[in-house]
Amino acid sequence: AKYFGLAPKEAAMKIASDFGLNYDAT
């Protein structure tokens, strides 16, 4: 979040996408 200037949720979504993590979207 701090490195890219993102909100925590956006940072978590970026990490999940970049690392190929699956999570319960519901």
PDB file of all heavy atoms in Angstrom:
ATOM      1  N   ALA A   1       0.835  -1.204   0.000  1.00  0.00           N
ATOM      2  CA  ALA A   1       0.000   0.000   0.000  1.00  0.00           C
ATOM      3  C   ALA A   1       0.870   1.253   0.000  1.00  0.00           C
ATOM      4  O   ALA A   1       0.647   2.172  -0.795  1.00  0.00           O
ATOM      5  CB  ALA A   1      -0.937  -0.002   1.203  1.00  0.00           C
ATOM      6  N   LYS A   2       1.867   1.287   0.862  1.00  0.00           N
ATOM      7  CA  LYS A   2       2.721   2.469   0.946  1.00  0.00           C
ATOM      8  C   LYS A   2       3.634   2.576  -0.272  1.00  0.00           C
ATOM      9  O   LYS A   2       3.824   3.660  -0.813  1.00  0.00           O
ATOM     10  CB  LYS A   2       3.549   2.440   2.234  1.00  0.00           C
ATOM     11  CG  LYS A   2       4.343   3.703   2.429  1.00  0.00           C
ATOM     12  CD  LYS A   2       4.736   3.932   3.851  1.00  0.00           C
ATOM     13  CE  LYS A   2       5.386   5.311   3.968  1.00  0.00           C
ATOM     14  NZ  LYS A   2       5.723   5.632   5.326  1.00  0.00           N
ATOM     15  N   TYR A   3       4.174   1.467  -0.720  1.00  0.00           N
ATOM     16  CA  TYR A   3       5.120   1.453  -1.844  1.00  0.00           C
ATOM     17  C   TYR A   3       4.481   1.958  -3.135  1.00  0.00           C
ATOM     18  O   TYR A   3       5.103   2.682  -3.906  1.00  0.00           O
ATOM     19  CB  TYR A   3       5.668   0.036  -2.022  1.00  0.00           C
ATOM     20  CG  TYR A   3       6.844  -0.082  -2.958  1.00  0.00           C
ATOM     21  CD1 TYR A   3       8.072   0.484  -2.627  1.00  0.00           C
ATOM     22  CD2 TYR A   3       6.740  -0.770  -4.157  1.00  0.00           C
ATOM     23  CE1 TYR A   3       9.169   0.366  -3.471  1.00  0.00           C
ATOM     24  CE2 TYR A   3       7.829  -0.892  -5.013  1.00  0.00           C
ATOM     25  CZ  TYR A   3       9.031  -0.325  -4.670  1.00  0.00           C
ATOM     26  OH  TYR A   3      10.117  -0.438  -5.506  1.00  0.00           O
ATOM     27  N   PHE A   4       3.221   1.570  -3.362  1.00  0.00           N
ATOM     28  CA  PHE A   4       2.531   1.952  -4.599  1.00  0.00           C
ATOM     29  C   PHE A   4       1.499   3.068  -4.402  1.00  0.00           C
ATOM     30  O   PHE A   4       0.820   3.449  -5.352  1.00  0.00           O
ATOM     31  CB  PHE A   4       1.847   0.734  -5.227  1.00  0.00           C
ATOM     32  CG  PHE A   4       2.811  -0.271  -5.793  1.00  0.00           C
ATOM     33  CD1 PHE A   4       3.089  -1.437  -5.101  1.00  0.00           C
ATOM     34  CD2 PHE A   4       3.453  -0.048  -6.995  1.00  0.00           C
ATOM     35  CE1 PHE A   4       3.988  -2.373  -5.614  1.00  0.00           C
ATOM     36  CE2 PHE A   4       4.351  -0.968  -7.520  1.00  0.00           C
ATOM     37  CZ  PHE A   4       4.617  -2.129  -6.828  1.00  0.00           C
ATOM     38  N   GLY A   5       1.337   3.559  -3.173  1.00  0.00           N
ATOM     39  CA  GLY A   5       0.367   4.611  -2.910  1.00  0.00           C
ATOM     40  C   GLY A   5      -1.072   4.146  -3.066  1.00  0.00           C
ATOM     41  O   GLY A   5      -1.914   4.855  -3.623  1.00  0.00           O
ATOM     42  N   LEU A   6      -1.359   2.934  -2.569  1.00  0.00           N
ATOM     43  CA  LEU A   6      -2.684   2.331  -2.696  1.00  0.00           C
ATOM     44  C   LEU A   6      -3.393   2.274  -1.348  1.00  0.00           C
ATOM     45  O   LEU A   6      -2.754   2.310  -0.295  1.00  0.00           O
ATOM     46  CB  LEU A   6      -2.557   0.901  -3.235  1.00  0.00           C
ATOM     47  CG  LEU A   6      -1.866   0.711  -4.575  1.00  0.00           C
ATOM     48  CD1 LEU A   6      -1.651  -0.773  -4.845  1.00  0.00           C
ATOM     49  CD2 LEU A   6      -2.678   1.350  -5.695  1.00  0.00           C
ATOM     50  N   ALA A   7      -4.702   2.130  -1.406  1.00  0.00           N
ATOM     51  CA  ALA A   7      -5.479   1.837  -0.205  1.00  0.00           C
ATOM     52  C   ALA A   7      -5.206   0.381   0.171  1.00  0.00           C
ATOM     53  O   ALA A   7      -4.827  -0.424  -0.690  1.00  0.00           O
ATOM     54  CB  ALA A   7      -6.961   2.047  -0.477  1.00  0.00           C
ATOM     55  N   PRO A   8      -5.391   0.009   1.434  1.00  0.00           N
ATOM     56  CA  PRO A   8      -5.117  -1.370   1.849  1.00  0.00           C
ATOM     57  C   PRO A   8      -5.852  -2.424   1.003  1.00  0.00           C
ATOM     58  O   PRO A   8      -5.263  -3.440   0.635  1.00  0.00           O
ATOM     59  CB  PRO A   8      -5.570  -1.407   3.303  1.00  0.00           C
ATOM     60  CG  PRO A   8      -5.361  -0.009   3.776  1.00  0.00           C
ATOM     61  CD  PRO A   8      -5.718   0.856   2.585  1.00  0.00           C
ATOM     62  N   LYS A   9      -7.117  -2.189   0.693  1.00  0.00           N
ATOM     63  CA  LYS A   9      -7.860  -3.169  -0.100  1.00  0.00           C
ATOM     64  C   LYS A   9      -7.263  -3.304  -1.499  1.00  0.00           C
ATOM     65  O   LYS A   9      -7.120  -4.417  -2.014  1.00  0.00           O
ATOM     66  CB  LYS A   9      -9.335  -2.780  -0.190  1.00  0.00           C
ATOM     67  CG  LYS A   9     -10.173  -3.802  -0.926  1.00  0.00           C
ATOM     68  CD  LYS A   9     -11.634  -3.452  -0.918  1.00  0.00           C
ATOM     69  CE  LYS A   9     -12.442  -4.498  -1.663  1.00  0.00           C
ATOM     70  NZ  LYS A   9     -13.859  -4.144  -1.716  1.00  0.00           N
ATOM     71  N   GLU A  10      -6.905  -2.185  -2.104  1.00  0.00           N
ATOM     72  CA  GLU A  10      -6.286  -2.236  -3.433  1.00  0.00           C
ATOM     73  C   GLU A  10      -4.946  -2.954  -3.377  1.00  0.00           C
ATOM     74  O   GLU A  10      -4.602  -3.715  -4.282  1.00  0.00           O
ATOM     75  CB  GLU A  10      -6.086  -0.819  -3.974  1.00  0.00           C
ATOM     76  CG  GLU A  10      -7.367  -0.082  -4.288  1.00  0.00           C
ATOM     77  CD  GLU A  10      -7.122   1.389  -4.596  1.00  0.00           C
ATOM     78  OE1 GLU A  10      -6.219   2.000  -3.970  1.00  0.00           O
ATOM     79  OE2 GLU A  10      -7.837   1.919  -5.459  1.00  0.00           O
ATOM     80  N   ALA A  11      -4.177  -2.719  -2.314  1.00  0.00           N
ATOM     81  CA  ALA A  11      -2.886  -3.391  -2.147  1.00  0.00           C
ATOM     82  C   ALA A  11      -3.086  -4.899  -2.003  1.00  0.00           C
ATOM     83  O   ALA A  11      -2.359  -5.682  -2.614  1.00  0.00           O
ATOM     84  CB  ALA A  11      -2.154  -2.831  -0.935  1.00  0.00           C
ATOM     85  N   ALA A  12      -4.067  -5.293  -1.215  1.00  0.00           N
ATOM     86  CA  ALA A  12      -4.343  -6.728  -1.035  1.00  0.00           C
ATOM     87  C   ALA A  12      -4.773  -7.361  -2.355  1.00  0.00           C
ATOM     88  O   ALA A  12      -4.357  -8.476  -2.680  1.00  0.00           O
ATOM     89  CB  ALA A  12      -5.416  -6.921   0.027  1.00  0.00           C
ATOM     90  N   MET A  13      -5.573  -6.650  -3.123  1.00  0.00           N
ATOM     91  CA  MET A  13      -6.008  -7.166  -4.431  1.00  0.00           C
ATOM     92  C   MET A  13      -4.819  -7.277  -5.389  1.00  0.00           C
ATOM     93  O   MET A  13      -4.712  -8.248  -6.142  1.00  0.00           O
ATOM     94  CB  MET A  13      -7.101  -6.271  -5.014  1.00  0.00           C
ATOM     95  CG  MET A  13      -8.405  -6.380  -4.250  1.00  0.00           C
ATOM     96  SD  MET A  13      -9.655  -5.162  -4.743  1.00  0.00           S
ATOM     97  CE  MET A  13     -10.000  -5.682  -6.409  1.00  0.00           C
ATOM     98  N   LYS A  14      -3.908  -6.319  -5.345  1.00  0.00           N
ATOM     99  CA  LYS A  14      -2.712  -6.362  -6.193  1.00  0.00           C
ATOM    100  C   LYS A  14      -1.854  -7.568  -5.832  1.00  0.00           C
ATOM    101  O   LYS A  14      -1.404  -8.298  -6.713  1.00  0.00           O
ATOM    102  CB  LYS A  14      -1.911  -5.067  -6.051  1.00  0.00           C
ATOM    103  CG  LYS A  14      -0.613  -5.062  -6.862  1.00  0.00           C
ATOM    104  CD  LYS A  14       0.036  -3.709  -6.861  1.00  0.00           C
ATOM    105  CE  LYS A  14       1.309  -3.671  -7.687  1.00  0.00           C
ATOM    106  NZ  LYS A  14       1.207  -4.193  -9.045  1.00  0.00           N
ATOM    107  N   ILE A  15      -1.626  -7.765  -4.542  1.00  0.00           N
ATOM    108  CA  ILE A  15      -0.826  -8.911  -4.109  1.00  0.00           C
ATOM    109  C   ILE A  15      -1.491 -10.215  -4.540  1.00  0.00           C
ATOM    110  O   ILE A  15      -0.833 -11.102  -5.079  1.00  0.00           O
ATOM    111  CB  ILE A  15      -0.615  -8.891  -2.581  1.00  0.00           C
ATOM    112  CG1 ILE A  15       0.228  -7.686  -2.179  1.00  0.00           C
ATOM    113  CG2 ILE A  15       0.041 -10.189  -2.106  1.00  0.00           C
ATOM    114  CD1 ILE A  15       0.270  -7.430  -0.682  1.00  0.00           C
ATOM    115  N   ALA A  16      -2.793 -10.332  -4.294  1.00  0.00           N
ATOM    116  CA  ALA A  16      -3.515 -11.554  -4.667  1.00  0.00           C
ATOM    117  C   ALA A  16      -3.383 -11.824  -6.158  1.00  0.00           C
ATOM    118  O   ALA A  16      -3.136 -12.962  -6.579  1.00  0.00           O
ATOM    119  CB  ALA A  16      -4.986 -11.441  -4.262  1.00  0.00           C
ATOM    120  N   SER A  17      -3.513 -10.792  -6.962  1.00  0.00           N
ATOM    121  CA  SER A  17      -3.396 -10.945  -8.410  1.00  0.00           C
ATOM    122  C   SER A  17      -1.973 -11.314  -8.813  1.00  0.00           C
ATOM    123  O   SER A  17      -1.752 -12.260  -9.569  1.00  0.00           O
ATOM    124  CB  SER A  17      -3.827  -9.645  -9.091  1.00  0.00           C
ATOM    125  OG  SER A  17      -3.594  -9.717 -10.480  1.00  0.00           O
ATOM    126  N   ASP A  18      -0.990 -10.578  -8.296  1.00  0.00           N
ATOM    127  CA  ASP A  18       0.408 -10.792  -8.681  1.00  0.00           C
ATOM    128  C   ASP A  18       0.967 -12.122  -8.195  1.00  0.00           C
ATOM    129  O   ASP A  18       1.857 -12.685  -8.817  1.00  0.00           O
ATOM    130  CB  ASP A  18       1.278  -9.645  -8.166  1.00  0.00           C
ATOM    131  CG  ASP A  18       0.974  -8.321  -8.862  1.00  0.00           C
ATOM    132  OD1 ASP A  18       0.249  -8.321  -9.886  1.00  0.00           O
ATOM    133  OD2 ASP A  18       1.451  -7.286  -8.373  1.00  0.00           O
ATOM    134  N   PHE A  19       0.433 -12.647  -7.089  1.00  0.00           N
ATOM    135  CA  PHE A  19       0.912 -13.916  -6.542  1.00  0.00           C
ATOM    136  C   PHE A  19      -0.009 -15.083  -6.884  1.00  0.00           C
ATOM    137  O   PHE A  19       0.221 -16.199  -6.449  1.00  0.00           O
ATOM    138  CB  PHE A  19       1.093 -13.811  -5.018  1.00  0.00           C
ATOM    139  CG  PHE A  19       2.367 -13.114  -4.606  1.00  0.00           C
ATOM    140  CD1 PHE A  19       2.440 -11.726  -4.580  1.00  0.00           C
ATOM    141  CD2 PHE A  19       3.494 -13.830  -4.256  1.00  0.00           C
ATOM    142  CE1 PHE A  19       3.597 -11.071  -4.207  1.00  0.00           C
ATOM    143  CE2 PHE A  19       4.669 -13.186  -3.875  1.00  0.00           C
ATOM    144  CZ  PHE A  19       4.723 -11.805  -3.857  1.00  0.00           C
ATOM    145  N   GLY A  20      -1.090 -14.829  -7.638  1.00  0.00           N
ATOM    146  CA  GLY A  20      -2.002 -15.890  -8.058  1.00  0.00           C
ATOM    147  C   GLY A  20      -2.776 -16.516  -6.919  1.00  0.00           C
ATOM    148  O   GLY A  20      -3.034 -17.722  -6.929  1.00  0.00           O
ATOM    149  N   LEU A  21      -3.190 -15.708  -5.937  1.00  0.00           N
ATOM    150  CA  LEU A  21      -3.925 -16.226  -4.790  1.00  0.00           C
ATOM    151  C   LEU A  21      -5.425 -16.223  -5.073  1.00  0.00           C
ATOM    152  O   LEU A  21      -5.942 -15.304  -5.693  1.00  0.00           O
ATOM    153  CB  LEU A  21      -3.664 -15.374  -3.542  1.00  0.00           C
ATOM    154  CG  LEU A  21      -2.209 -15.220  -3.115  1.00  0.00           C
ATOM    155  CD1 LEU A  21      -2.123 -14.315  -1.905  1.00  0.00           C
ATOM    156  CD2 LEU A  21      -1.593 -16.567  -2.822  1.00  0.00           C
ATOM    157  N   ASN A  22      -6.110 -17.232  -4.570  1.00  0.00           N
ATOM    158  CA  ASN A  22      -7.557 -17.300  -4.663  1.00  0.00           C
ATOM    159  C   ASN A  22      -8.156 -16.968  -3.325  1.00  0.00           C
ATOM    160  O   ASN A  22      -7.622 -17.324  -2.288  1.00  0.00           O
ATOM    161  CB  ASN A  22      -8.009 -18.712  -5.074  1.00  0.00           C
ATOM    162  CG  ASN A  22      -7.554 -19.064  -6.471  1.00  0.00           C
ATOM    163  OD1 ASN A  22      -7.663 -18.250  -7.385  1.00  0.00           O
ATOM    164  ND2 ASN A  22      -7.045 -20.277  -6.643  1.00  0.00           N
ATOM    165  N   TYR A  23      -9.274 -16.273  -3.359  1.00  0.00           N
ATOM    166  CA  TYR A  23      -9.976 -15.945  -2.119  1.00  0.00           C
ATOM    167  C   TYR A  23     -11.468 -15.942  -2.413  1.00  0.00           C
ATOM    168  O   TYR A  23     -11.884 -15.869  -3.564  1.00  0.00           O
ATOM    169  CB  TYR A  23      -9.518 -14.609  -1.533  1.00  0.00           C
ATOM    170  CG  TYR A  23      -9.818 -13.421  -2.428  1.00  0.00           C
ATOM    171  CD1 TYR A  23     -10.969 -12.664  -2.248  1.00  0.00           C
ATOM    172  CD2 TYR A  23      -8.963 -13.054  -3.440  1.00  0.00           C
ATOM    173  CE1 TYR A  23     -11.261 -11.591  -3.070  1.00  0.00           C
ATOM    174  CE2 TYR A  23      -9.244 -11.984  -4.267  1.00  0.00           C
ATOM    175  CZ  TYR A  23     -10.381 -11.257  -4.083  1.00  0.00           C
ATOM    176  OH  TYR A  23     -10.657 -10.193  -4.887  1.00  0.00           O
ATOM    177  N   ASP A  24     -12.262 -16.008  -1.351  1.00  0.00           N
ATOM    178  CA  ASP A  24     -13.721 -16.056  -1.482  1.00  0.00           C
ATOM    179  C   ASP A  24     -14.226 -14.649  -1.767  1.00  0.00           C
ATOM    180  O   ASP A  24     -14.342 -13.821  -0.868  1.00  0.00           O
ATOM    181  CB  ASP A  24     -14.340 -16.613  -0.207  1.00  0.00           C
ATOM    182  CG  ASP A  24     -15.847 -16.745  -0.307  1.00  0.00           C
ATOM    183  OD1 ASP A  24     -16.428 -16.380  -1.338  1.00  0.00           O
ATOM    184  OD2 ASP A  24     -16.448 -17.212   0.676  1.00  0.00           O
ATOM    185  N   ALA A  25     -14.545 -14.376  -3.022  1.00  0.00           N
ATOM    186  CA  ALA A  25     -15.003 -13.041  -3.425  1.00  0.00           C
ATOM    187  C   ALA A  25     -16.355 -12.684  -2.826  1.00  0.00           C
ATOM    188  O   ALA A  25     -16.718 -11.522  -2.723  1.00  0.00           O
ATOM    189  CB  ALA A  25     -15.054 -12.947  -4.950  1.00  0.00           C
ATOM    190  N   THR A  26     -17.116 -13.676  -2.395  1.00  0.00           N
ATOM    191  CA  THR A  26     -18.427 -13.407  -1.808  1.00  0.00           C
ATOM    192  C   THR A  26     -18.312 -13.008  -0.334  1.00  0.00           C
ATOM    193  O   THR A  26     -19.255 -12.539   0.257  1.00  0.00           O
ATOM    194  CB  THR A  26     -19.357 -14.635  -1.905  1.00  0.00           C
ATOM    195  OG1 THR A  26     -18.764 -15.713  -1.168  1.00  0.00           O
ATOM    196  CG2 THR A  26     -19.558 -15.036  -3.345  1.00  0.00           C
TER     197      THR A  26
END
